[in-house]
Amino acid sequence: MPDFSSNFNALLDARFPILVSETHEEPRLLNLIAPVCNLRGIPLFIWSHAEGLKRSNETGAVYNTTEFTDALKHVDVTPQNGLYVFLDAHPFFNQPLNVRLIREISFDHYRRDRTLLFVSPALELPTELARVAARLNLSGIRPDRVRALLKEELDSWQRQHQKSLRINHDILPLLVHQISGLGEDEAQRLIRQAIHADGELNIKDVQRIARFKQDQRASLLEMTLPEVTLDDVGGFSRLKTWMKQRRAVFQNPALAPGLPVPKGVLLLGVQGAGKSLAAKAVAGSWKLPLLRLDFGALYNKYIGETEKNLRKALEEAGRMAPCLLWMDELEKGLSAGDADDGVSQRILGTLLTWMSERDSRVFIVATANDVSKLPPELLRKGRFDELFFVDLPTLPIRETIFRIHLEKRGVESKAFAPDKLAAASEGFSGAEIEQAIIAAQYAALADNTALAQAHIEEEIARTRPLSVIRAEDFQRLRGWAQQRCVTVD
């Protein structure tokens, strides 16, 4: 990956009249720009609303340039070429005169070589300026630098307290990966907070950093930090093996330089069979923040806004990396077709482009109930690493599910006969098994007795599972998946 200096030099060589850098690390950016300008012999000028326009390393500002418009007028008429950096100019772009002055300067760029660089935490150029502008990205802190900072702060804490810090070494790679990509200043603050919060480094520190990253901006994604793991899920043996084989490479791609980093999986299957639980369990097992993408929350009545919301959500997922992005009930967000004036098609195009071009470690778990509503472009080999079919649980798995849910509710499964319950619940999904136990608990409470085998058996007998009510749909789905998907068990 090219470093900042290489990218900056390339943009200067390409002679873009306008550059834009969105960053909170203004001092770091200026420190990186200055040596490049010195080496190339480019005069460097910096403007702020507080101090006006002045040459770098000089104290005196140009007369009457504290106002943004006045500073632009000066740049427009001065014979002095150079790089003019404007700090926090974003509030002034809604004034037509300022936009026109910037255009005048850009039109004359090839003759007079005055480059404008706008630096703000967030900045969106007007359309007429965006066409002649380029982005100068300040990359976040890299893992090797995070490890160096971590060592520095650990050594400092231990010298100050004259004792060793309690460290859970299993979470150190997760801690480094969560901090990587942030600004160096905020990375250092987060490391200090992690060390000083309770005198140890543990999973709570990883979770705190994940929450910090999401709180940096208004979120279109719902974030959770699941405690459930794949060990808490009945069945799914092939999925568990698949995930176990890829976990180490996802967490540390350097372990296998020749292998692509795992991208994600599609879980297709019947309702209530455990797809959502599996998504949460993968995040819990891999110790990743789980980001849930709700397509319904993205839709907006104004043209183009829905796709913009999706891009923002995907950018946020990239910022949260490494993370797991859960696209729940995928078909509901992509299946409207022509009935929605093409919004779903534009959503699909945005999603497919991001899936093929992303380089951040965002692992996707997409879930879907109805394959007939999924666009064929999404199912093409390579979009997902694997397509898994989640069928109704078999007899042994149903027995395991009964044991899990009984134990989960503080009931000794040894006092029951899970094998008989499993035999009686043919065609039940995991969700229907759970609901049968819950209903049985209510029945026992009404009878003022302890939960017994008979209560659960009665609820099973009363229930008509979805596999019976929608038998034709289930058979059609199984038929499609038989030759196209890998079964999870």
Protein backbone atom coordinates (compact mmCIF):
# COMPACT_ATOMS: atom_id res chain seq x y z
CA MET A 1 0.00 0.00 0.00
CA PRO A 2 1.49 3.41 -0.98
CA ASP A 3 2.37 5.66 1.94
CA PHE A 4 1.01 9.16 2.46
CA SER A 5 3.98 10.94 0.86
CA SER A 6 3.71 8.83 -2.30
CA ASN A 7 -0.01 9.55 -2.62
CA PHE A 8 0.48 13.26 -1.98
CA ASN A 9 3.27 13.49 -4.55
CA ALA A 10 1.14 11.64 -7.10
CA LEU A 11 -1.75 14.11 -6.63
CA LEU A 12 0.58 17.08 -6.97
CA ASP A 13 2.10 15.57 -10.14
CA ALA A 14 -1.41 15.03 -11.53
CA ARG A 15 -1.99 18.77 -11.01
CA PHE A 16 -5.39 18.67 -9.33
CA PRO A 17 -6.28 22.29 -8.48
CA ILE A 18 -8.29 21.24 -5.40
CA LEU A 19 -7.46 18.61 -2.78
CA VAL A 20 -9.67 17.55 0.12
CA SER A 21 -8.64 15.74 3.30
CA GLU A 22 -11.25 14.67 5.84
CA THR A 23 -9.46 14.06 9.13
CA HIS A 24 -9.52 14.90 12.82
CA GLU A 25 -5.71 14.66 12.86
CA GLU A 26 -4.96 18.14 11.55
CA PRO A 27 -1.49 18.51 13.21
CA ARG A 28 -0.38 15.11 11.92
CA LEU A 29 -1.50 15.95 8.40
CA LEU A 30 0.36 19.26 8.41
CA ASN A 31 3.50 17.54 9.71
CA LEU A 32 3.34 15.09 6.80
CA ILE A 33 2.65 17.77 4.18
CA ALA A 34 5.47 20.14 5.17
CA PRO A 35 8.48 17.92 4.27
CA VAL A 36 6.98 17.04 0.88
CA CYS A 37 6.52 20.74 0.08
CA ASN A 38 10.06 21.53 1.27
CA LEU A 39 11.55 18.79 -0.87
CA ARG A 40 9.65 19.93 -3.95
CA GLY A 41 10.29 23.63 -3.29
CA ILE A 42 6.58 24.40 -2.98
CA PRO A 43 5.72 27.37 -0.73
CA LEU A 44 3.21 26.32 1.96
CA PHE A 45 0.51 28.65 3.27
CA ILE A 46 -2.04 27.84 5.98
CA TRP A 47 -5.36 29.59 6.68
CA SER A 48 -7.61 29.38 9.72
CA HIS A 49 -10.53 31.56 10.71
CA ALA A 50 -8.71 32.39 13.94
CA GLU A 51 -5.36 33.50 12.50
CA GLY A 52 -5.92 34.27 8.84
CA LEU A 53 -3.59 33.28 6.00
CA LYS A 54 0.11 32.98 6.74
CA ARG A 55 3.16 31.24 5.38
CA SER A 56 4.17 28.07 7.18
CA ASN A 57 6.68 28.64 10.01
CA GLU A 58 6.00 32.40 9.96
CA THR A 59 4.08 34.23 12.67
CA GLY A 60 2.64 37.16 10.76
CA ALA A 61 -0.56 36.69 8.75
CA VAL A 62 -1.41 38.39 5.47
CA TYR A 63 -3.35 41.57 6.19
CA ASN A 64 -7.15 41.27 6.25
CA THR A 65 -7.41 37.52 5.54
CA THR A 66 -9.16 36.14 8.65
CA GLU A 67 -12.43 35.95 6.72
CA PHE A 68 -12.59 33.00 4.29
CA THR A 69 -13.81 35.16 1.39
CA ASP A 70 -11.02 37.69 1.88
CA ALA A 71 -8.42 34.92 1.99
CA LEU A 72 -9.73 33.49 -1.29
CA LYS A 73 -9.65 36.92 -2.91
CA HIS A 74 -6.00 37.26 -1.88
CA VAL A 75 -5.09 33.85 -3.34
CA ASP A 76 -6.96 34.71 -6.52
CA VAL A 77 -4.90 37.81 -7.23
CA THR A 78 -1.51 37.02 -5.66
CA PRO A 79 1.37 36.13 -8.01
CA GLN A 80 2.67 33.75 -5.30
CA ASN A 81 2.33 30.10 -6.34
CA GLY A 82 2.17 27.38 -3.70
CA LEU A 83 -0.01 25.05 -1.70
CA TYR A 84 -2.73 26.90 0.22
CA VAL A 85 -4.17 24.86 3.07
CA PHE A 86 -7.56 25.95 4.45
CA LEU A 87 -8.46 24.53 7.87
CA ASP A 88 -12.13 24.00 8.79
CA ALA A 89 -13.50 25.91 5.81
CA HIS A 90 -16.54 23.62 5.48
CA PRO A 91 -19.09 26.09 6.96
CA PHE A 92 -18.35 28.61 4.18
CA PHE A 93 -19.11 26.45 1.13
CA ASN A 94 -22.80 27.37 1.17
CA GLN A 95 -21.98 30.90 -0.04
CA PRO A 96 -22.05 31.31 -3.86
CA LEU A 97 -19.31 33.94 -3.86
CA ASN A 98 -16.86 31.58 -2.15
CA VAL A 99 -17.65 28.78 -4.58
CA ARG A 100 -17.11 31.12 -7.52
CA LEU A 101 -13.77 32.36 -6.17
CA ILE A 102 -12.55 28.79 -5.72
CA ARG A 103 -13.56 28.02 -9.30
CA GLU A 104 -11.70 31.08 -10.56
CA ILE A 105 -8.54 29.91 -8.78
CA SER A 106 -8.92 26.36 -10.14
CA PHE A 107 -9.45 27.61 -13.72
CA ASP A 108 -6.08 29.40 -13.51
CA HIS A 109 -4.24 26.51 -11.89
CA TYR A 110 -2.28 25.30 -14.94
CA ARG A 111 -0.89 28.77 -15.54
CA ARG A 112 -0.15 29.91 -11.99
CA ASP A 113 0.17 26.62 -10.02
CA ARG A 114 -1.79 27.50 -6.88
CA THR A 115 -3.21 24.35 -5.27
CA LEU A 116 -5.97 24.55 -2.65
CA LEU A 117 -6.14 21.92 0.09
CA PHE A 118 -9.24 21.90 2.31
CA VAL A 119 -8.82 20.09 5.63
CA SER A 120 -11.82 19.39 7.89
CA PRO A 121 -13.17 16.54 10.02
CA ALA A 122 -16.05 16.29 7.53
CA LEU A 123 -16.38 18.07 4.21
CA GLU A 124 -18.57 17.65 1.16
CA LEU A 125 -17.70 19.86 -1.78
CA PRO A 126 -20.38 21.43 -3.97
CA THR A 127 -20.86 19.54 -7.23
CA GLU A 128 -19.19 22.21 -9.35
CA LEU A 129 -16.00 21.90 -7.28
CA ALA A 130 -16.01 18.14 -6.77
CA ARG A 131 -15.38 17.54 -10.48
CA VAL A 132 -11.88 19.07 -10.29
CA ALA A 133 -10.97 17.84 -6.80
CA ALA A 134 -9.20 14.77 -5.43
CA ARG A 135 -9.19 13.17 -2.00
CA LEU A 136 -6.00 13.08 0.06
CA ASN A 137 -6.53 10.32 2.59
CA LEU A 138 -4.63 10.18 5.84
CA SER A 139 -4.37 6.49 6.64
CA GLY A 140 -4.93 5.29 10.16
CA ILE A 141 -2.37 3.82 12.48
CA ARG A 142 -0.91 0.46 11.41
CA PRO A 143 -0.73 -2.67 13.58
CA ASP A 144 3.05 -2.47 14.08
CA ARG A 145 2.72 1.10 15.37
CA VAL A 146 -0.17 0.04 17.65
CA ARG A 147 2.03 -2.66 19.14
CA ALA A 148 4.83 -0.14 19.67
CA LEU A 149 2.47 2.29 21.42
CA LEU A 150 1.06 -0.52 23.51
CA LYS A 151 4.55 -1.50 24.66
CA GLU A 152 5.42 2.12 25.46
CA GLU A 153 2.29 2.60 27.58
CA LEU A 154 2.68 -0.76 29.32
CA ASP A 155 6.30 0.03 30.23
CA SER A 156 5.27 3.48 31.49
CA TRP A 157 2.44 2.08 33.66
CA GLN A 158 4.65 -0.64 35.13
CA ARG A 159 7.43 1.84 35.96
CA GLN A 160 4.92 4.16 37.61
CA HIS A 161 3.21 1.43 39.67
CA GLN A 162 6.23 -0.81 40.26
CA LYS A 163 4.32 -3.96 39.33
CA SER A 164 3.27 -5.95 36.27
CA LEU A 165 -0.01 -5.32 34.54
CA ARG A 166 -2.47 -8.21 34.40
CA ILE A 167 -2.78 -9.11 30.72
CA ASN A 168 -5.05 -11.58 28.93
CA HIS A 169 -2.65 -12.39 26.10
CA ASP A 170 -5.43 -14.03 24.04
CA ILE A 171 -7.11 -10.68 23.50
CA LEU A 172 -3.98 -8.72 22.49
CA PRO A 173 -4.37 -9.46 18.74
CA LEU A 174 -8.03 -8.38 18.98
CA LEU A 175 -7.03 -5.19 20.78
CA VAL A 176 -4.42 -4.37 18.14
CA HIS A 177 -6.83 -5.07 15.30
CA GLN A 178 -9.58 -2.89 16.79
CA ILE A 179 -7.22 0.06 17.28
CA SER A 180 -5.54 -0.26 13.87
CA GLY A 181 -6.89 2.28 11.41
CA LEU A 182 -7.67 4.94 14.00
CA GLY A 183 -5.73 8.17 14.35
CA GLU A 184 -2.50 7.93 16.34
CA ASP A 185 -3.62 10.39 19.03
CA GLU A 186 -6.94 8.65 19.67
CA ALA A 187 -5.18 5.25 19.53
CA GLN A 188 -2.80 6.37 22.28
CA ARG A 189 -5.70 7.67 24.39
CA LEU A 190 -7.62 4.41 24.01
CA ILE A 191 -4.57 2.36 24.99
CA ARG A 192 -4.07 4.50 28.08
CA GLN A 193 -7.75 4.17 28.99
CA ALA A 194 -7.58 0.39 28.58
CA ILE A 195 -4.55 0.15 30.85
CA HIS A 196 -5.64 2.62 33.52
CA ALA A 197 -9.35 1.67 33.69
CA ASP A 198 -8.84 -1.41 35.87
CA GLY A 199 -5.12 -2.19 35.87
CA GLU A 200 -5.42 -4.98 33.31
CA LEU A 201 -6.04 -5.71 29.64
CA ASN A 202 -9.06 -7.90 28.98
CA ILE A 203 -12.00 -8.43 26.64
CA LYS A 204 -13.84 -5.46 28.19
CA ASP A 205 -11.19 -3.17 26.74
CA VAL A 206 -11.78 -4.61 23.25
CA GLN A 207 -15.52 -4.07 23.66
CA ARG A 208 -15.02 -0.50 24.89
CA ILE A 209 -12.90 0.35 21.86
CA ALA A 210 -15.49 -1.16 19.49
CA ARG A 211 -18.20 1.02 21.07
CA PHE A 212 -15.95 4.08 20.82
CA LYS A 213 -15.47 3.52 17.09
CA GLN A 214 -19.21 3.30 16.49
CA ASP A 215 -19.96 6.36 18.65
CA GLN A 216 -17.69 8.48 16.43
CA ARG A 217 -20.60 9.16 14.11
CA ALA A 218 -24.37 8.73 13.85
CA SER A 219 -24.92 5.07 13.13
CA LEU A 220 -27.05 3.35 10.52
CA LEU A 221 -25.98 0.01 11.96
CA GLU A 222 -27.08 -1.66 15.17
CA MET A 223 -24.01 -2.87 17.07
CA THR A 224 -23.91 -5.62 19.68
CA LEU A 225 -21.12 -7.61 21.29
CA PRO A 226 -22.61 -11.12 21.46
CA GLU A 227 -21.68 -13.43 24.32
CA VAL A 228 -23.20 -16.48 22.63
CA THR A 229 -20.68 -18.68 20.77
CA LEU A 230 -20.91 -21.56 18.31
CA ASP A 231 -20.62 -23.95 21.26
CA ASP A 232 -24.04 -22.71 22.37
CA VAL A 233 -25.65 -23.65 19.04
CA GLY A 234 -27.03 -27.12 18.43
CA GLY A 235 -25.99 -28.73 15.15
CA PHE A 236 -24.33 -26.65 12.39
CA SER A 237 -21.33 -29.02 12.47
CA ARG A 238 -20.08 -28.19 8.94
CA LEU A 239 -20.48 -24.46 9.51
CA LYS A 240 -18.60 -24.72 12.80
CA THR A 241 -15.72 -26.57 11.11
CA TRP A 242 -15.64 -24.06 8.24
CA MET A 243 -15.50 -21.13 10.65
CA LYS A 244 -12.86 -22.77 12.84
CA GLN A 245 -10.60 -23.31 9.82
CA ARG A 246 -10.78 -19.64 8.79
CA ARG A 247 -10.79 -17.80 12.09
CA ALA A 248 -7.01 -17.48 12.49
CA VAL A 249 -6.46 -16.17 8.94
CA PHE A 250 -9.25 -13.59 9.30
CA GLN A 251 -7.80 -12.34 12.58
CA ASN A 252 -4.23 -12.30 11.27
CA PRO A 253 -3.93 -12.38 7.44
CA ALA A 254 -0.12 -12.48 7.77
CA LEU A 255 -0.40 -16.14 8.82
CA ALA A 256 -1.23 -17.10 5.23
CA PRO A 257 -0.01 -14.41 2.79
CA GLY A 258 -1.06 -16.44 -0.24
CA LEU A 259 -4.66 -16.92 0.90
CA PRO A 260 -7.45 -14.36 0.49
CA VAL A 261 -8.96 -13.09 3.72
CA PRO A 262 -12.37 -14.78 4.30
CA LYS A 263 -15.17 -12.54 2.98
CA GLY A 264 -18.36 -14.08 4.26
CA VAL A 265 -21.15 -16.62 3.91
CA LEU A 266 -24.81 -16.72 2.94
CA LEU A 267 -27.08 -18.74 5.24
CA LEU A 268 -30.16 -19.75 3.30
CA GLY A 269 -32.91 -21.74 4.94
CA VAL A 270 -36.24 -22.16 6.60
CA GLN A 271 -37.54 -19.69 9.14
CA GLY A 272 -36.63 -20.30 12.76
CA ALA A 273 -33.89 -22.81 11.96
CA GLY A 274 -31.15 -20.79 13.69
CA LYS A 275 -29.64 -18.58 10.98
CA SER A 276 -29.77 -15.43 13.11
CA LEU A 277 -28.41 -17.27 16.12
CA ALA A 278 -25.56 -18.62 13.99
CA ALA A 279 -24.64 -15.09 12.85
CA LYS A 280 -24.46 -13.92 16.46
CA ALA A 281 -22.53 -17.04 17.48
CA VAL A 282 -19.87 -16.52 14.79
CA ALA A 283 -19.31 -12.96 16.05
CA GLY A 284 -19.15 -14.22 19.63
CA SER A 285 -16.73 -17.03 18.78
CA TRP A 286 -14.46 -14.74 16.75
CA LYS A 287 -14.78 -11.99 19.40
CA LEU A 288 -15.93 -9.43 16.83
CA PRO A 289 -18.46 -6.61 17.14
CA LEU A 290 -21.68 -7.61 15.36
CA LEU A 291 -23.14 -4.91 13.09
CA ARG A 292 -26.71 -5.58 11.95
CA LEU A 293 -27.73 -3.97 8.67
CA ASP A 294 -31.48 -3.36 8.51
CA PHE A 295 -32.38 -2.59 4.89
CA GLY A 296 -35.74 -1.20 5.97
CA ALA A 297 -34.00 1.58 7.92
CA LEU A 298 -32.03 2.61 4.81
CA TYR A 299 -34.99 3.39 2.55
CA ASN A 300 -35.77 7.05 1.94
CA LYS A 301 -38.44 8.63 -0.23
CA TYR A 302 -35.96 10.99 -1.95
CA ILE A 303 -34.14 9.78 -5.06
CA GLY A 304 -30.58 8.72 -4.35
CA GLU A 305 -30.85 8.94 -0.56
CA THR A 306 -31.34 5.20 -0.02
CA GLU A 307 -28.17 4.32 -1.91
CA LYS A 308 -26.34 7.09 -0.03
CA ASN A 309 -27.52 5.61 3.28
CA LEU A 310 -26.22 2.19 2.22
CA ARG A 311 -22.84 3.62 1.26
CA LYS A 312 -22.63 5.35 4.64
CA ALA A 313 -23.51 2.11 6.43
CA LEU A 314 -20.88 0.16 4.49
CA GLU A 315 -18.27 2.86 5.14
CA GLU A 316 -19.12 2.64 8.83
CA ALA A 317 -18.63 -1.13 8.74
CA GLY A 318 -15.22 -0.55 7.18
CA ARG A 319 -14.33 1.86 9.98
CA MET A 320 -15.40 -0.73 12.57
CA ALA A 321 -13.21 -3.44 11.01
CA PRO A 322 -12.42 -6.06 12.03
CA CYS A 323 -16.09 -6.79 12.50
CA LEU A 324 -18.94 -9.03 11.39
CA LEU A 325 -21.65 -7.43 9.23
CA TRP A 326 -24.96 -9.27 9.56
CA MET A 327 -27.34 -8.65 6.65
CA ASP A 328 -30.58 -10.04 8.03
CA GLU A 329 -33.36 -11.21 5.68
CA LEU A 330 -31.39 -10.05 2.69
CA GLU A 331 -34.17 -10.72 0.19
CA LYS A 332 -36.42 -8.06 1.77
CA GLY A 333 -33.98 -5.32 0.87
CA LEU A 334 -33.25 -6.43 -2.69
CA SER A 335 -36.39 -8.00 -4.08
CA ALA A 336 -38.72 -5.11 -4.96
CA GLY A 337 -37.44 -4.75 -8.54
CA ASP A 338 -39.30 -2.36 -10.85
CA ALA A 339 -42.06 -1.74 -8.29
CA ASP A 340 -39.81 0.69 -6.37
CA ASP A 341 -38.61 2.81 -9.33
CA GLY A 342 -35.35 0.90 -9.48
CA VAL A 343 -34.20 1.64 -5.93
CA SER A 344 -33.59 -2.04 -5.16
CA GLN A 345 -31.52 -2.40 -8.34
CA ARG A 346 -29.38 0.58 -7.39
CA ILE A 347 -29.06 -0.81 -3.86
CA LEU A 348 -27.93 -4.12 -5.35
CA GLY A 349 -25.37 -2.39 -7.58
CA THR A 350 -23.94 -0.45 -4.64
CA LEU A 351 -23.74 -3.60 -2.53
CA LEU A 352 -22.12 -5.74 -5.23
CA THR A 353 -19.51 -3.08 -5.98
CA TRP A 354 -18.59 -2.82 -2.31
CA MET A 355 -18.45 -6.60 -1.90
CA SER A 356 -16.04 -6.99 -4.82
CA GLU A 357 -13.81 -3.98 -4.07
CA ARG A 358 -13.61 -3.79 -0.27
CA ASP A 359 -10.22 -4.36 1.33
CA SER A 360 -11.27 -3.93 4.97
CA ARG A 361 -11.72 -7.00 7.18
CA VAL A 362 -15.50 -7.00 7.30
CA PHE A 363 -16.84 -10.56 7.41
CA ILE A 364 -20.37 -10.82 6.05
CA VAL A 365 -23.02 -13.21 7.32
CA ALA A 366 -26.12 -12.76 5.17
CA THR A 367 -29.33 -14.61 6.00
CA ALA A 368 -32.28 -15.25 3.71
CA ASN A 369 -35.51 -17.26 3.84
CA ASP A 370 -36.71 -17.06 0.23
CA VAL A 371 -34.14 -17.77 -2.48
CA SER A 372 -36.65 -17.02 -5.26
CA LYS A 373 -36.52 -13.34 -4.29
CA LEU A 374 -32.73 -13.07 -4.29
CA PRO A 375 -31.15 -11.59 -7.44
CA PRO A 376 -29.03 -14.18 -9.29
CA GLU A 377 -26.08 -11.75 -9.41
CA LEU A 378 -25.76 -12.06 -5.64
CA LEU A 379 -25.53 -15.85 -5.75
CA ARG A 380 -22.71 -15.99 -8.28
CA LYS A 381 -19.64 -17.87 -7.03
CA GLY A 382 -17.22 -15.43 -5.46
CA ARG A 383 -19.74 -13.03 -3.96
CA PHE A 384 -19.70 -15.18 -0.83
CA ASP A 385 -17.07 -17.72 0.14
CA GLU A 386 -19.78 -20.32 0.66
CA LEU A 387 -23.56 -20.79 0.46
CA PHE A 388 -24.91 -22.81 3.38
CA PHE A 389 -28.37 -24.34 3.55
CA VAL A 390 -29.95 -24.42 7.01
CA ASP A 391 -32.58 -27.15 7.11
CA LEU A 392 -34.86 -28.21 9.94
CA PRO A 393 -32.92 -29.90 12.74
CA THR A 394 -32.59 -33.68 12.62
CA LEU A 395 -33.58 -35.95 15.52
CA PRO A 396 -30.18 -35.87 17.32
CA ILE A 397 -29.92 -32.10 16.86
CA ARG A 398 -33.45 -31.55 18.17
CA GLU A 399 -32.46 -33.52 21.27
CA THR A 400 -29.42 -31.24 21.71
CA ILE A 401 -31.60 -28.15 21.26
CA PHE A 402 -34.02 -29.35 23.95
CA ARG A 403 -31.09 -29.86 26.33
CA ILE A 404 -29.65 -26.41 25.56
CA HIS A 405 -32.93 -24.57 26.13
CA LEU A 406 -33.80 -26.47 29.29
CA GLU A 407 -30.37 -25.79 30.79
CA LYS A 408 -30.56 -22.15 29.61
CA ARG A 409 -33.67 -21.72 31.79
CA GLY A 410 -32.09 -23.27 34.85
CA VAL A 411 -33.88 -26.60 34.45
CA GLU A 412 -31.94 -29.86 34.87
CA SER A 413 -32.32 -31.65 31.54
CA LYS A 414 -31.59 -34.95 33.33
CA ALA A 415 -35.07 -34.72 34.88
CA PHE A 416 -36.56 -34.91 31.37
CA ALA A 417 -36.38 -37.28 28.42
CA PRO A 418 -35.05 -35.06 25.62
CA ASP A 419 -34.88 -38.03 23.27
CA LYS A 420 -38.66 -38.53 23.55
CA LEU A 421 -39.28 -34.79 23.15
CA ALA A 422 -37.10 -34.80 20.04
CA ALA A 423 -39.00 -37.74 18.57
CA ALA A 424 -42.33 -36.00 19.23
CA SER A 425 -41.22 -32.75 17.58
CA GLU A 426 -40.58 -33.99 14.04
CA GLY A 427 -40.63 -31.01 11.64
CA PHE A 428 -40.03 -28.43 14.38
CA SER A 429 -37.50 -25.65 13.96
CA GLY A 430 -35.18 -24.57 16.75
CA ALA A 431 -37.35 -21.49 17.36
CA GLU A 432 -40.49 -23.64 17.61
CA ILE A 433 -38.76 -25.91 20.12
CA GLU A 434 -37.84 -22.90 22.23
CA GLN A 435 -41.39 -21.55 22.09
CA ALA A 436 -42.79 -24.94 23.10
CA ILE A 437 -40.62 -24.89 26.23
CA ILE A 438 -41.62 -21.30 27.03
CA ALA A 439 -45.33 -22.11 26.60
CA ALA A 440 -44.89 -25.18 28.80
CA GLN A 441 -43.31 -23.01 31.51
CA TYR A 442 -46.36 -20.74 31.46
CA ALA A 443 -48.66 -23.76 31.68
CA ALA A 444 -46.70 -25.10 34.66
CA LEU A 445 -46.84 -21.69 36.35
CA ALA A 446 -50.62 -21.58 35.86
CA ASP A 447 -50.90 -25.07 37.40
CA ASN A 448 -48.65 -23.92 40.27
CA THR A 449 -46.35 -26.87 39.62
CA ALA A 450 -42.78 -27.39 38.46
CA LEU A 451 -42.13 -27.77 34.75
CA ALA A 452 -42.54 -31.42 33.76
CA GLN A 453 -42.13 -33.57 30.66
CA ALA A 454 -45.90 -33.70 30.21
CA HIS A 455 -46.18 -29.90 29.95
CA ILE A 456 -43.72 -29.82 27.03
CA GLU A 457 -45.28 -32.83 25.31
CA GLU A 458 -48.71 -31.19 25.48
CA GLU A 459 -47.38 -28.01 23.90
CA ILE A 460 -45.68 -30.00 21.15
CA ALA A 461 -48.95 -31.78 20.42
CA ARG A 462 -50.81 -28.46 20.17
CA THR A 463 -48.30 -26.88 17.78
CA ARG A 464 -48.61 -27.10 14.01
CA PRO A 465 -45.07 -26.29 12.85
CA LEU A 466 -44.39 -24.06 9.88
CA SER A 467 -43.00 -27.06 7.99
CA VAL A 468 -46.56 -28.45 7.93
CA ILE A 469 -48.36 -25.17 7.29
CA ARG A 470 -46.01 -24.26 4.40
CA ALA A 471 -44.90 -27.71 3.34
CA GLU A 472 -44.79 -26.85 -0.38
CA ASP A 473 -42.51 -23.86 0.17
CA PHE A 474 -40.17 -25.94 2.31
CA GLN A 475 -39.90 -28.65 -0.32
CA ARG A 476 -39.23 -26.14 -3.08
CA LEU A 477 -36.47 -24.51 -1.04
CA ARG A 478 -34.86 -27.88 -0.25
CA GLY A 479 -34.98 -28.83 -3.92
CA TRP A 480 -33.18 -25.63 -4.97
CA ALA A 481 -30.52 -25.94 -2.27
CA GLN A 482 -29.76 -29.64 -2.79
CA GLN A 483 -27.39 -29.08 -5.73
CA ARG A 484 -26.31 -25.52 -4.95
CA CYS A 485 -25.53 -25.24 -1.25
CA VAL A 486 -23.53 -26.94 1.47
CA THR A 487 -25.68 -28.14 4.34
CA VAL A 488 -24.66 -26.78 7.75
CA ASP A 489 -24.91 -30.22 9.42
